[in-house]
PDB file of N, CA and C in Angstrom:
ATOM      1  N   UNK A   1      -3.932  -1.280 -13.209  1.00  0.00           N
ATOM      2  CA  UNK A   1      -3.327  -0.518 -14.067  1.00  0.00           C
ATOM      3  C   UNK A   1      -2.845   0.907 -13.384  1.00  0.00           C
ATOM      4  N   UNK A   2      -1.892   1.242 -13.470  1.00  0.00           N
ATOM      5  CA  UNK A   2      -1.158   2.400 -12.300  1.00  0.00           C
ATOM      6  C   UNK A   2      -1.812   3.839 -13.268  1.00  0.00           C
ATOM      7  N   UNK A   3      -2.446   4.753 -12.635  1.00  0.00           N
ATOM      8  CA  UNK A   3      -2.991   5.901 -13.015  1.00  0.00           C
ATOM      9  C   UNK A   3      -1.986   7.273 -13.059  1.00  0.00           C
ATOM     10  N   UNK A   4      -0.939   7.029 -12.585  1.00  0.00           N
ATOM     11  CA  UNK A   4      -0.006   8.277 -12.136  1.00  0.00           C
ATOM     12  C   UNK A   4      -0.058   9.174 -11.350  1.00  0.00           C
ATOM     13  N   UNK A   5       0.213  10.291 -11.670  1.00  0.00           N
ATOM     14  CA  UNK A   5      -0.364  11.363 -10.911  1.00  0.00           C
ATOM     15  C   UNK A   5      -1.874  11.997 -10.521  1.00  0.00           C
ATOM     16  N   UNK A   6      -2.692  11.177 -10.926  1.00  0.00           N
ATOM     17  CA  UNK A   6      -4.296  11.180 -10.752  1.00  0.00           C
ATOM     18  C   UNK A   6      -4.375  10.997  -9.328  1.00  0.00           C
ATOM     19  N   UNK A   7      -4.970  11.555  -8.689  1.00  0.00           N
ATOM     20  CA  UNK A   7      -5.698  11.146  -7.084  1.00  0.00           C
ATOM     21  C   UNK A   7      -6.768  10.091  -7.229  1.00  0.00           C
ATOM     22  N   UNK A   8      -6.045   8.865  -7.637  1.00  0.00           N
ATOM     23  CA  UNK A   8      -6.802   7.653  -7.564  1.00  0.00           C
ATOM     24  C   UNK A   8      -6.193   6.685  -6.791  1.00  0.00           C
ATOM     25  N   UNK A   9      -7.163   6.157  -5.648  1.00  0.00           N
ATOM     26  CA  UNK A   9      -6.535   5.298  -4.792  1.00  0.00           C
ATOM     27  C   UNK A   9      -6.713   4.139  -5.219  1.00  0.00           C
ATOM     28  N   UNK A  10      -7.720   3.504  -5.888  1.00  0.00           N
ATOM     29  CA  UNK A  10      -7.505   2.148  -6.781  1.00  0.00           C
ATOM     30  C   UNK A  10      -6.730   2.103  -7.815  1.00  0.00           C
ATOM     31  N   UNK A  11      -6.430   3.254  -8.629  1.00  0.00           N
ATOM     32  CA  UNK A  11      -5.526   3.013  -9.808  1.00  0.00           C
ATOM     33  C   UNK A  11      -4.483   2.843  -9.262  1.00  0.00           C
ATOM     34  N   UNK A  12      -3.836   3.675  -8.260  1.00  0.00           N
ATOM     35  CA  UNK A  12      -2.428   3.754  -7.619  1.00  0.00           C
ATOM     36  C   UNK A  12      -2.288   2.366  -6.695  1.00  0.00           C
ATOM     37  N   UNK A  13      -2.685   1.660  -6.489  1.00  0.00           N
ATOM     38  CA  UNK A  13      -3.089   0.323  -5.866  1.00  0.00           C
ATOM     39  C   UNK A  13      -2.257  -1.182  -6.642  1.00  0.00           C
ATOM     40  N   UNK A  14      -1.390  -1.640  -5.996  1.00  0.00           N
ATOM     41  CA  UNK A  14      -0.644  -2.777  -6.665  1.00  0.00           C
ATOM     42  C   UNK A  14      -1.253  -4.032  -5.827  1.00  0.00           C
ATOM     43  N   UNK A  15      -1.934  -4.769  -6.776  1.00  0.00           N
ATOM     44  CA  UNK A  15      -2.569  -6.061  -5.794  1.00  0.00           C
ATOM     45  C   UNK A  15      -1.711  -7.444  -5.958  1.00  0.00           C
ATOM     46  N   UNK A  16      -1.588  -8.009  -5.099  1.00  0.00           N
ATOM     47  CA  UNK A  16      -1.295  -9.702  -5.186  1.00  0.00           C
ATOM     48  C   UNK A  16      -1.968 -10.260  -6.096  1.00  0.00           C
ATOM     49  N   UNK A  17      -1.288 -10.946  -7.195  1.00  0.00           N
ATOM     50  CA  UNK A  17      -1.501 -11.742  -8.398  1.00  0.00           C
ATOM     51  C   UNK A  17      -2.388 -12.749  -7.876  1.00  0.00           C
ATOM     52  N   UNK A  18      -1.872 -13.499  -6.547  1.00  0.00           N
ATOM     53  CA  UNK A  18      -2.294 -14.816  -6.103  1.00  0.00           C
ATOM     54  C   UNK A  18      -3.827 -14.598  -5.660  1.00  0.00           C
ATOM     55  N   UNK A  19      -3.966 -13.547  -4.580  1.00  0.00           N
ATOM     56  CA  UNK A  19      -5.132 -13.379  -3.873  1.00  0.00           C
ATOM     57  C   UNK A  19      -5.906 -12.375  -3.874  1.00  0.00           C
ATOM     58  N   UNK A  20      -5.421 -11.127  -4.518  1.00  0.00           N
ATOM     59  CA  UNK A  20      -6.093  -9.915  -5.037  1.00  0.00           C
ATOM     60  C   UNK A  20      -5.877  -9.062  -3.793  1.00  0.00           C
ATOM     61  N   UNK A  21      -5.037  -9.226  -2.813  1.00  0.00           N
ATOM     62  CA  UNK A  21      -4.891  -8.391  -1.319  1.00  0.00           C
ATOM     63  C   UNK A  21      -4.081  -7.222  -2.028  1.00  0.00           C
ATOM     64  N   UNK A  22      -4.417  -5.977  -1.347  1.00  0.00           N
ATOM     65  CA  UNK A  22      -3.764  -4.726  -1.754  1.00  0.00           C
ATOM     66  C   UNK A  22      -2.110  -4.952  -1.193  1.00  0.00           C
ATOM     67  N   UNK A  23      -1.177  -4.623  -2.222  1.00  0.00           N
ATOM     68  CA  UNK A  23       0.101  -4.730  -1.617  1.00  0.00           C
ATOM     69  C   UNK A  23       0.903  -3.571  -1.411  1.00  0.00           C
ATOM     70  N   UNK A  24       0.723  -2.737  -2.415  1.00  0.00           N
ATOM     71  CA  UNK A  24       1.359  -1.107  -2.600  1.00  0.00           C
ATOM     72  C   UNK A  24      -0.061  -0.103  -2.351  1.00  0.00           C
ATOM     73  N   UNK A  25      -0.174   0.780  -1.771  1.00  0.00           N
ATOM     74  CA  UNK A  25      -0.833   1.949  -1.927  1.00  0.00           C
ATOM     75  C   UNK A  25      -0.607   3.085  -1.793  1.00  0.00           C
ATOM     76  N   UNK A  26      -0.864   4.261  -3.072  1.00  0.00           N
ATOM     77  CA  UNK A  26      -0.041   5.316  -2.715  1.00  0.00           C
ATOM     78  C   UNK A  26      -1.166   6.471  -2.856  1.00  0.00           C
ATOM     79  N   UNK A  27      -1.282   7.182  -1.943  1.00  0.00           N
ATOM     80  CA  UNK A  27      -2.082   8.129  -1.764  1.00  0.00           C
ATOM     81  C   UNK A  27      -1.263   9.776  -1.446  1.00  0.00           C
ATOM     82  N   UNK A  28      -2.153  10.615  -2.031  1.00  0.00           N
ATOM     83  CA  UNK A  28      -1.063  11.924  -1.616  1.00  0.00           C
ATOM     84  C   UNK A  28      -1.803  12.867  -0.445  1.00  0.00           C
ATOM     85  N   UNK A  29      -0.996  13.324   0.222  1.00  0.00           N
ATOM     86  CA  UNK A  29      -1.347  14.106   1.503  1.00  0.00           C
ATOM     87  C   UNK A  29      -1.667  15.657   0.945  1.00  0.00           C
ATOM     88  N   UNK A  30      -2.906  16.015   0.728  1.00  0.00           N
ATOM     89  CA  UNK A  30      -3.178  17.196  -0.232  1.00  0.00           C
ATOM     90  C   UNK A  30      -2.947  18.406   0.514  1.00  0.00           C
ATOM     91  N   UNK A  31      -2.738  18.684   1.728  1.00  0.00           N
ATOM     92  CA  UNK A  31      -2.217  19.549   2.850  1.00  0.00           C
ATOM     93  C   UNK A  31      -0.398  19.405   2.672  1.00  0.00           C
ATOM     94  N   UNK A  32       0.478  18.900   2.520  1.00  0.00           N
ATOM     95  CA  UNK A  32       1.684  18.981   2.406  1.00  0.00           C
ATOM     96  C   UNK A  32       2.050  18.723   0.972  1.00  0.00           C
ATOM     97  N   UNK A  33       1.081  18.069  -0.200  1.00  0.00           N
ATOM     98  CA  UNK A  33       1.491  17.422  -1.116  1.00  0.00           C
ATOM     99  C   UNK A  33       2.806  16.670  -1.039  1.00  0.00           C
ATOM    100  N   UNK A  34       2.545  15.501  -0.398  1.00  0.00           N
ATOM    101  CA  UNK A  34       3.675  14.425  -0.460  1.00  0.00           C
ATOM    102  C   UNK A  34       3.015  13.294  -0.774  1.00  0.00           C
ATOM    103  N   UNK A  35       3.278  12.525  -1.365  1.00  0.00           N
ATOM    104  CA  UNK A  35       2.796  11.116  -1.550  1.00  0.00           C
ATOM    105  C   UNK A  35       3.282  10.081  -0.206  1.00  0.00           C
ATOM    106  N   UNK A  36       2.106   9.516   0.335  1.00  0.00           N
ATOM    107  CA  UNK A  36       2.214   8.500   1.293  1.00  0.00           C
ATOM    108  C   UNK A  36       2.097   7.200   0.398  1.00  0.00           C
ATOM    109  N   UNK A  37       2.975   6.348   0.803  1.00  0.00           N
ATOM    110  CA  UNK A  37       2.991   4.987   0.300  1.00  0.00           C
ATOM    111  C   UNK A  37       2.752   3.731   1.585  1.00  0.00           C
ATOM    112  N   UNK A  38       1.718   3.367   1.669  1.00  0.00           N
ATOM    113  CA  UNK A  38       1.700   2.409   2.353  1.00  0.00           C
ATOM    114  C   UNK A  38       2.268   1.116   1.690  1.00  0.00           C
ATOM    115  N   UNK A  39       2.969   0.277   2.444  1.00  0.00           N
ATOM    116  CA  UNK A  39       3.549  -1.007   1.603  1.00  0.00           C
ATOM    117  C   UNK A  39       2.950  -1.990   2.588  1.00  0.00           C
ATOM    118  N   UNK A  40       2.176  -2.791   2.192  1.00  0.00           N
ATOM    119  CA  UNK A  40       1.627  -3.838   2.472  1.00  0.00           C
ATOM    120  C   UNK A  40       2.255  -5.225   2.198  1.00  0.00           C
ATOM    121  N   UNK A  41       3.026  -6.180   3.208  1.00  0.00           N
ATOM    122  CA  UNK A  41       3.715  -7.211   2.904  1.00  0.00           C
ATOM    123  C   UNK A  41       2.801  -8.499   2.940  1.00  0.00           C
ATOM    124  N   UNK A  42       3.067  -9.432   2.247  1.00  0.00           N
ATOM    125  CA  UNK A  42       2.553 -11.052   2.260  1.00  0.00           C
ATOM    126  C   UNK A  42       3.397 -11.470   3.443  1.00  0.00           C
ATOM    127  N   UNK A  43       2.548 -11.997   4.797  1.00  0.00           N
ATOM    128  CA  UNK A  43       2.752 -12.512   5.603  1.00  0.00           C
ATOM    129  C   UNK A  43       2.521 -14.256   5.661  1.00  0.00           C
ATOM    130  N   UNK A  44       1.856 -14.508   4.840  1.00  0.00           N
ATOM    131  CA  UNK A  44       1.280 -16.016   4.780  1.00  0.00           C
ATOM    132  C   UNK A  44       2.538 -17.188   4.900  1.00  0.00           C
ATOM    133  N   UNK A  45       3.461 -16.692   4.863  1.00  0.00           N
ATOM    134  CA  UNK A  45       4.826 -17.832   4.714  1.00  0.00           C
ATOM    135  C   UNK A  45       5.743 -17.390   6.075  1.00  0.00           C
ATOM    136  N   UNK A  46       5.574 -15.869   6.621  1.00  0.00           N
ATOM    137  CA  UNK A  46       6.148 -15.228   7.668  1.00  0.00           C
ATOM    138  C   UNK A  46       5.726 -15.437   8.739  1.00  0.00           C
ATOM    139  N   UNK A  47       6.316 -15.671   9.812  1.00  0.00           N
ATOM    140  CA  UNK A  47       5.878 -15.581  11.436  1.00  0.00           C
ATOM    141  C   UNK A  47       5.899 -14.116  11.982  1.00  0.00           C
ATOM    142  N   UNK A  48       6.444 -13.285  11.318  1.00  0.00           N
ATOM    143  CA  UNK A  48       6.708 -11.762  12.021  1.00  0.00           C
ATOM    144  C   UNK A  48       5.552 -10.941  11.201  1.00  0.00           C
ATOM    145  N   UNK A  49       4.704 -10.221  11.658  1.00  0.00           N
ATOM    146  CA  UNK A  49       3.638  -9.669  10.980  1.00  0.00           C
ATOM    147  C   UNK A  49       3.782  -8.196  11.756  1.00  0.00           C
ATOM    148  N   UNK A  50       3.831  -7.181  10.822  1.00  0.00           N
ATOM    149  CA  UNK A  50       3.983  -5.854  11.326  1.00  0.00           C
ATOM    150  C   UNK A  50       2.818  -4.884  11.108  1.00  0.00           C
ATOM    151  N   UNK A  51       2.286  -4.247  12.030  1.00  0.00           N
ATOM    152  CA  UNK A  51       1.079  -3.404  11.904  1.00  0.00           C
ATOM    153  C   UNK A  51      -0.180  -4.046  12.158  1.00  0.00           C
ATOM    154  N   UNK A  52      -1.099  -3.484  11.261  1.00  0.00           N
ATOM    155  CA  UNK A  52      -2.539  -3.967  11.141  1.00  0.00           C
ATOM    156  C   UNK A  52      -2.517  -4.841  10.190  1.00  0.00           C
ATOM    157  N   UNK A  53      -3.121  -5.912  10.911  1.00  0.00           N
ATOM    158  CA  UNK A  53      -3.261  -7.306  10.047  1.00  0.00           C
ATOM    159  C   UNK A  53      -4.616  -7.206   9.192  1.00  0.00           C
ATOM    160  N   UNK A  54      -4.432  -8.149   8.089  1.00  0.00           N
ATOM    161  CA  UNK A  54      -5.705  -8.248   7.112  1.00  0.00           C
ATOM    162  C   UNK A  54      -5.351  -9.428   6.619  1.00  0.00           C
ATOM    163  N   UNK A  55      -6.157 -10.558   7.329  1.00  0.00           N
ATOM    164  CA  UNK A  55      -5.838 -12.015   6.890  1.00  0.00           C
ATOM    165  C   UNK A  55      -4.519 -12.301   6.647  1.00  0.00           C
ATOM    166  N   UNK A  56      -3.657 -12.498   5.774  1.00  0.00           N
ATOM    167  CA  UNK A  56      -2.406 -12.842   5.603  1.00  0.00           C
ATOM    168  C   UNK A  56      -1.503 -11.477   4.955  1.00  0.00           C
ATOM    169  N   UNK A  57      -1.966 -10.220   4.784  1.00  0.00           N
ATOM    170  CA  UNK A  57      -1.417  -8.894   4.739  1.00  0.00           C
ATOM    171  C   UNK A  57      -1.380  -8.246   5.677  1.00  0.00           C
ATOM    172  N   UNK A  58       0.113  -7.789   6.138  1.00  0.00           N
ATOM    173  CA  UNK A  58      -0.117  -6.747   7.486  1.00  0.00           C
ATOM    174  C   UNK A  58       0.521  -5.600   6.451  1.00  0.00           C
ATOM    175  N   UNK A  59       0.313  -4.338   7.092  1.00  0.00           N
ATOM    176  CA  UNK A  59       0.288  -2.999   6.634  1.00  0.00           C
ATOM    177  C   UNK A  59       1.596  -2.553   7.562  1.00  0.00           C
ATOM    178  N   UNK A  60       2.461  -1.669   6.798  1.00  0.00           N
ATOM    179  CA  UNK A  60       3.374  -0.636   7.557  1.00  0.00           C
ATOM    180  C   UNK A  60       3.416   0.496   6.475  1.00  0.00           C
ATOM    181  N   UNK A  61       3.020   1.547   7.403  1.00  0.00           N
ATOM    182  CA  UNK A  61       2.993   2.834   6.698  1.00  0.00           C
ATOM    183  C   UNK A  61       4.437   3.831   6.429  1.00  0.00           C
ATOM    184  N   UNK A  62       4.566   4.206   5.159  1.00  0.00           N
ATOM    185  CA  UNK A  62       5.903   5.109   5.082  1.00  0.00           C
ATOM    186  C   UNK A  62       5.422   6.376   4.356  1.00  0.00           C
ATOM    187  N   UNK A  63       6.261   7.167   5.216  1.00  0.00           N
ATOM    188  CA  UNK A  63       6.227   8.809   4.190  1.00  0.00           C
ATOM    189  C   UNK A  63       7.451   9.089   3.413  1.00  0.00           C
ATOM    190  N   UNK A  64       7.121   9.200   2.128  1.00  0.00           N
ATOM    191  CA  UNK A  64       7.969   9.520   1.377  1.00  0.00           C
ATOM    192  C   UNK A  64       7.868  10.909   0.816  1.00  0.00           C
ATOM    193  N   UNK A  65       9.128  11.479   1.090  1.00  0.00           N
ATOM    194  CA  UNK A  65       9.463  13.018   0.402  1.00  0.00           C
ATOM    195  C   UNK A  65       9.176  13.328  -0.845  1.00  0.00           C
ATOM    196  N   UNK A  66       8.253  14.014  -1.613  1.00  0.00           N
ATOM    197  CA  UNK A  66       7.988  14.731  -2.911  1.00  0.00           C
ATOM    198  C   UNK A  66       9.175  15.085  -3.452  1.00  0.00           C
TER     199      UNK A  66
END
């Protein structure tokens, strides 16, 4: 369940339906009031892995202007 603009990392995280790994995590930087969206991509079937690896999930951080 997405909790909207409430500062709730767990509620703002989208998980993989197959394995439960986090796929999209949204956090707010309280100093600049911008949402920071971490896009976690499935790499189980891909040879290319980006960023920090967590089993079959790799992480790429993106900063999105509010």
